[in-house]
């Protein structure tokens, strides 16, 4: 699996597996690991950190091969953050977390991040970052932190490529949640994507993911079907050419399809 370097030198797989709203997380994560995924993304609000941890235990994939992300999903104090991270470690059955994110721009985000910085410096967290921080919120946030976030995880797909945000995040990598836009805006029947998919002998989903990674964006597609997991990871044997990239770039509306921003 190709990887990217975060701003602290830590390598992170450029494609991973998202675990939001799965009916059998343990089975799904085991399937994902079996077909080659090594980046697994979870969060406190998903309520499945324990199931992810169980899958990691059962799989016996060496921890040094894995990259596990979880997120703090509610507003909390500095001390509460330290306790919450400890709970996450126990649920995931890990001694360290590869990447911890603040799930949203909470009122106490800076206090939460201060606790994360401390555990990062102590080696408990290999990388730290944020999620759902828009351009203004990102700029305001980084003014007062000691360690620049390694990741900002945002809604990102061919219809919303976060150009403005990417322009200011020079040292923070963008990670895409909902890389297929949850099928909105006719994603899986888009004529531009379909034509390019047929040209390369690929699917629309594979074209959408390939477009993200060729733009240096980490993606974490979610599916409960093993066949789709295999499809989504099969994007490293071809490249989109300049003509493809230009045509897809014209699909960008620069607007959220979820109304979050």
Protein backbone atom coordinates (compact mmCIF):
# COMPACT_ATOMS: atom_id res chain seq x y z
CA UNK A 1 0.00 0.00 0.00
CA UNK A 2 1.50 3.38 -0.98
CA UNK A 3 1.93 5.85 1.85
CA UNK A 4 2.41 9.57 2.38
CA UNK A 5 4.67 11.35 4.84
CA UNK A 6 2.95 13.43 7.50
CA UNK A 7 4.61 16.64 8.68
CA UNK A 8 6.44 14.76 11.44
CA UNK A 9 7.85 12.11 9.11
CA UNK A 10 5.36 9.39 10.09
CA UNK A 11 4.21 7.37 7.09
CA UNK A 12 0.44 6.95 6.65
CA UNK A 13 -1.24 4.72 4.05
CA UNK A 14 -2.91 6.85 1.38
CA UNK A 15 -5.97 4.57 1.30
CA UNK A 16 -7.78 3.14 4.29
CA UNK A 17 -11.00 1.62 5.53
CA UNK A 18 -13.72 3.63 7.27
CA UNK A 19 -15.87 1.96 9.92
CA UNK A 20 -18.79 4.36 10.44
CA UNK A 21 -22.22 2.75 10.85
CA UNK A 22 -21.26 -0.87 10.19
CA UNK A 23 -23.55 -3.66 11.40
CA UNK A 24 -20.70 -6.09 12.17
CA UNK A 25 -17.54 -4.06 12.60
CA UNK A 26 -15.31 -6.93 13.70
CA UNK A 27 -16.11 -9.03 10.63
CA UNK A 28 -15.82 -6.06 8.27
CA UNK A 29 -12.44 -4.99 9.66
CA UNK A 30 -11.17 -8.57 9.43
CA UNK A 31 -12.29 -8.69 5.80
CA UNK A 32 -10.60 -5.35 5.10
CA UNK A 33 -7.35 -6.50 6.68
CA UNK A 34 -7.48 -9.77 4.74
CA UNK A 35 -7.57 -7.97 1.38
CA UNK A 36 -4.74 -5.60 2.22
CA UNK A 37 -6.03 -2.56 4.09
CA UNK A 38 -3.76 -1.38 6.88
CA UNK A 39 -5.25 2.02 7.72
CA UNK A 40 -8.39 1.56 9.82
CA UNK A 41 -10.45 4.60 10.82
CA UNK A 42 -12.84 4.65 13.78
CA UNK A 43 -14.14 7.18 16.33
CA UNK A 44 -15.70 7.34 19.76
CA UNK A 45 -19.07 8.34 18.31
CA UNK A 46 -19.10 5.24 16.10
CA UNK A 47 -19.33 3.12 19.24
CA UNK A 48 -17.16 0.40 17.73
CA UNK A 49 -13.61 0.94 19.01
CA UNK A 50 -13.91 -2.28 20.98
CA UNK A 51 -14.95 -4.23 17.88
CA UNK A 52 -12.06 -2.74 15.91
CA UNK A 53 -9.72 -3.76 18.71
CA UNK A 54 -11.11 -7.29 18.68
CA UNK A 55 -10.55 -7.52 14.92
CA UNK A 56 -6.96 -6.37 15.33
CA UNK A 57 -6.42 -9.04 17.99
CA UNK A 58 -7.96 -11.83 15.92
CA UNK A 59 -6.20 -10.86 12.69
CA UNK A 60 -2.71 -11.11 14.18
CA UNK A 61 -1.47 -8.57 11.63
CA UNK A 62 1.72 -7.12 13.19
CA UNK A 63 0.98 -3.78 14.82
CA UNK A 64 3.89 -2.14 13.04
CA UNK A 65 2.08 -2.83 9.75
CA UNK A 66 -1.14 -1.16 10.93
CA UNK A 67 -2.18 2.47 11.10
CA UNK A 68 -5.11 2.99 13.47
CA UNK A 69 -7.03 6.24 13.67
CA UNK A 70 -9.67 7.19 16.21
CA UNK A 71 -11.35 10.45 17.13
CA UNK A 72 -12.49 12.32 20.23
CA UNK A 73 -16.15 12.94 19.45
CA UNK A 74 -17.33 15.35 22.12
CA UNK A 75 -16.31 18.55 23.85
CA UNK A 76 -14.19 17.88 26.94
CA UNK A 77 -11.62 19.39 29.25
CA UNK A 78 -7.89 18.76 29.28
CA UNK A 79 -8.19 16.15 32.05
CA UNK A 80 -11.23 14.52 30.47
CA UNK A 81 -9.31 14.25 27.22
CA UNK A 82 -6.46 12.37 28.90
CA UNK A 83 -8.97 9.96 30.46
CA UNK A 84 -10.84 9.53 27.17
CA UNK A 85 -7.66 8.65 25.30
CA UNK A 86 -6.86 6.03 27.92
CA UNK A 87 -10.32 4.51 27.43
CA UNK A 88 -9.76 4.41 23.67
CA UNK A 89 -6.43 2.64 24.12
CA UNK A 90 -8.08 -0.03 26.26
CA UNK A 91 -10.95 -0.57 23.82
CA UNK A 92 -8.59 -0.79 20.87
CA UNK A 93 -6.26 -3.07 22.85
CA UNK A 94 -3.30 -0.86 21.91
CA UNK A 95 -0.38 0.71 23.75
CA UNK A 96 -0.28 3.62 21.31
CA UNK A 97 -2.54 5.17 18.68
CA UNK A 98 -1.16 6.00 15.24
CA UNK A 99 -3.43 9.00 14.70
CA UNK A 100 -5.85 10.75 17.05
CA UNK A 101 -8.18 13.45 15.76
CA UNK A 102 -10.57 15.93 17.36
CA UNK A 103 -13.82 15.07 15.57
CA UNK A 104 -15.10 18.64 15.32
CA UNK A 105 -14.37 22.25 16.15
CA UNK A 106 -15.55 22.15 19.77
CA UNK A 107 -15.43 25.07 22.19
CA UNK A 108 -12.67 23.32 24.17
CA UNK A 109 -10.75 22.04 21.14
CA UNK A 110 -7.55 23.85 22.10
CA UNK A 111 -7.54 22.35 25.61
CA UNK A 112 -8.22 18.94 24.11
CA UNK A 113 -5.39 19.41 21.65
CA UNK A 114 -3.05 20.47 24.44
CA UNK A 115 -3.62 17.08 26.09
CA UNK A 116 -3.03 15.39 22.74
CA UNK A 117 0.23 17.30 22.27
CA UNK A 118 1.40 16.05 25.65
CA UNK A 119 0.67 12.40 24.81
CA UNK A 120 2.22 12.88 21.37
CA UNK A 121 5.44 14.07 22.98
CA UNK A 122 5.29 11.06 25.32
CA UNK A 123 4.97 8.63 22.40
CA UNK A 124 1.41 7.50 23.17
CA UNK A 125 0.16 9.16 19.98
CA UNK A 126 2.25 8.89 16.81
CA UNK A 127 0.35 11.67 15.05
CA UNK A 128 -2.39 14.13 15.99
CA UNK A 129 -4.88 16.17 14.06
CA UNK A 130 -8.38 17.49 13.60
CA UNK A 131 -11.54 16.82 11.64
CA UNK A 132 -14.24 19.05 10.19
CA UNK A 133 -12.26 22.25 10.66
CA UNK A 134 -13.20 24.63 7.83
CA UNK A 135 -10.70 27.14 6.46
CA UNK A 136 -11.45 29.87 9.00
CA UNK A 137 -11.60 27.44 11.92
CA UNK A 138 -8.35 25.81 10.83
CA UNK A 139 -6.51 29.14 10.54
CA UNK A 140 -7.79 30.30 13.93
CA UNK A 141 -6.91 26.98 15.55
CA UNK A 142 -3.32 26.66 14.35
CA UNK A 143 -2.43 30.14 15.62
CA UNK A 144 -2.46 28.87 19.20
CA UNK A 145 -1.13 25.31 19.01
CA UNK A 146 2.42 24.13 19.56
CA UNK A 147 2.29 21.26 17.09
CA UNK A 148 0.75 21.79 13.66
CA UNK A 149 -1.97 19.16 13.04
CA UNK A 150 -0.77 16.37 10.79
CA UNK A 151 -4.26 15.71 9.40
CA UNK A 152 -7.56 17.52 8.85
CA UNK A 153 -10.23 14.98 7.92
CA UNK A 154 -13.01 16.57 5.88
CA UNK A 155 -15.83 15.84 3.48
CA UNK A 156 -13.87 15.57 0.23
CA UNK A 157 -14.86 14.08 -3.12
CA UNK A 158 -14.91 15.00 -6.81
CA UNK A 159 -17.77 17.45 -6.22
CA UNK A 160 -16.06 19.19 -3.27
CA UNK A 161 -12.27 19.16 -3.40
CA UNK A 162 -11.65 21.66 -0.58
CA UNK A 163 -9.39 23.90 -2.71
CA UNK A 164 -9.53 26.88 -0.36
CA UNK A 165 -8.74 24.75 2.67
CA UNK A 166 -5.91 22.91 0.94
CA UNK A 167 -4.34 26.23 0.00
CA UNK A 168 -3.89 27.22 3.66
CA UNK A 169 -3.00 23.75 5.00
CA UNK A 170 0.57 23.74 3.76
CA UNK A 171 1.82 21.47 6.58
CA UNK A 172 -1.42 19.59 7.26
CA UNK A 173 -2.51 16.69 5.08
CA UNK A 174 -6.14 16.46 3.92
CA UNK A 175 -7.98 13.19 4.51
CA UNK A 176 -11.31 12.52 2.80
CA UNK A 177 -14.34 11.19 4.61
CA UNK A 178 -17.23 10.10 2.38
CA UNK A 179 -15.03 10.00 -0.74
CA UNK A 180 -18.04 8.85 -2.79
CA UNK A 181 -20.25 11.68 -1.45
CA UNK A 182 -22.55 8.95 -0.09
CA UNK A 183 -23.79 8.54 -3.66
CA UNK A 184 -25.23 12.05 -3.68
CA UNK A 185 -25.42 14.25 -6.77
CA UNK A 186 -25.66 11.18 -8.99
CA UNK A 187 -22.10 10.17 -8.13
CA UNK A 188 -22.31 6.60 -9.40
CA UNK A 189 -24.06 7.55 -12.63
CA UNK A 190 -21.96 10.60 -13.48
CA UNK A 191 -21.28 10.58 -17.22
CA UNK A 192 -17.83 12.15 -16.96
CA UNK A 193 -16.66 9.60 -14.40
CA UNK A 194 -18.33 6.77 -16.31
CA UNK A 195 -16.56 7.65 -19.57
CA UNK A 196 -13.17 7.84 -17.86
CA UNK A 197 -13.88 4.56 -16.03
CA UNK A 198 -14.60 2.77 -19.31
CA UNK A 199 -11.45 4.25 -20.85
CA UNK A 200 -9.32 2.65 -18.11
CA UNK A 201 -11.36 -0.52 -17.61
CA UNK A 202 -12.21 0.58 -14.07
CA UNK A 203 -15.33 1.48 -12.09
CA UNK A 204 -16.62 4.94 -11.23
CA UNK A 205 -15.68 4.31 -7.59
CA UNK A 206 -12.11 3.47 -8.58
CA UNK A 207 -11.84 6.61 -10.71
CA UNK A 208 -13.09 8.78 -7.84
CA UNK A 209 -10.61 7.29 -5.39
CA UNK A 210 -7.75 7.48 -7.87
CA UNK A 211 -8.50 11.17 -8.42
CA UNK A 212 -8.21 11.84 -4.70
CA UNK A 213 -4.92 10.02 -4.22
CA UNK A 214 -3.38 11.63 -7.32
CA UNK A 215 -4.18 14.92 -5.61
CA UNK A 216 -2.32 13.73 -2.51
CA UNK A 217 -5.51 13.24 -0.51
CA UNK A 218 -5.87 10.26 1.83
CA UNK A 219 -9.20 8.45 1.41
CA UNK A 220 -11.10 6.11 3.72
CA UNK A 221 -14.01 4.54 1.80
CA UNK A 222 -16.51 2.47 3.74
CA UNK A 223 -18.34 -0.66 2.65
CA UNK A 224 -19.54 -3.83 4.34
CA UNK A 225 -19.08 -5.92 1.19
CA UNK A 226 -15.76 -7.68 0.74
CA UNK A 227 -16.07 -7.46 -3.05
CA UNK A 228 -16.29 -3.67 -2.79
CA UNK A 229 -13.31 -3.59 -0.44
CA UNK A 230 -11.31 -5.40 -3.12
CA UNK A 231 -12.63 -3.03 -5.80
CA UNK A 232 -11.76 0.07 -3.79
CA UNK A 233 -8.19 -1.00 -3.11
CA UNK A 234 -7.54 -1.96 -6.75
CA UNK A 235 -6.52 1.54 -7.86
CA UNK A 236 -2.73 1.36 -7.92
CA UNK A 237 -2.23 -0.25 -11.33
CA UNK A 238 -3.21 2.77 -13.43
CA UNK A 239 -3.02 6.56 -13.48
CA UNK A 240 -5.36 9.28 -14.64
CA UNK A 241 -3.81 11.38 -17.40
CA UNK A 242 -3.91 15.17 -17.67
CA UNK A 243 -7.06 15.09 -19.78
CA UNK A 244 -8.83 12.92 -17.19
CA UNK A 245 -7.72 15.16 -14.33
CA UNK A 246 -8.95 18.28 -16.09
CA UNK A 247 -12.36 16.81 -16.91
CA UNK A 248 -12.88 15.61 -13.34
CA UNK A 249 -11.75 18.95 -11.91
CA UNK A 250 -14.68 20.61 -13.67
CA UNK A 251 -17.08 18.56 -11.50
CA UNK A 252 -16.03 20.47 -8.38
CA UNK A 253 -18.91 22.66 -7.13
CA UNK A 254 -16.94 23.86 -4.08
CA UNK A 255 -19.98 23.12 -1.92
CA UNK A 256 -20.71 20.56 0.78
CA UNK A 257 -23.31 17.97 -0.14
CA UNK A 258 -24.00 17.25 3.52
CA UNK A 259 -24.70 20.78 4.75
CA UNK A 260 -22.03 20.53 7.43
CA UNK A 261 -20.04 23.55 6.36
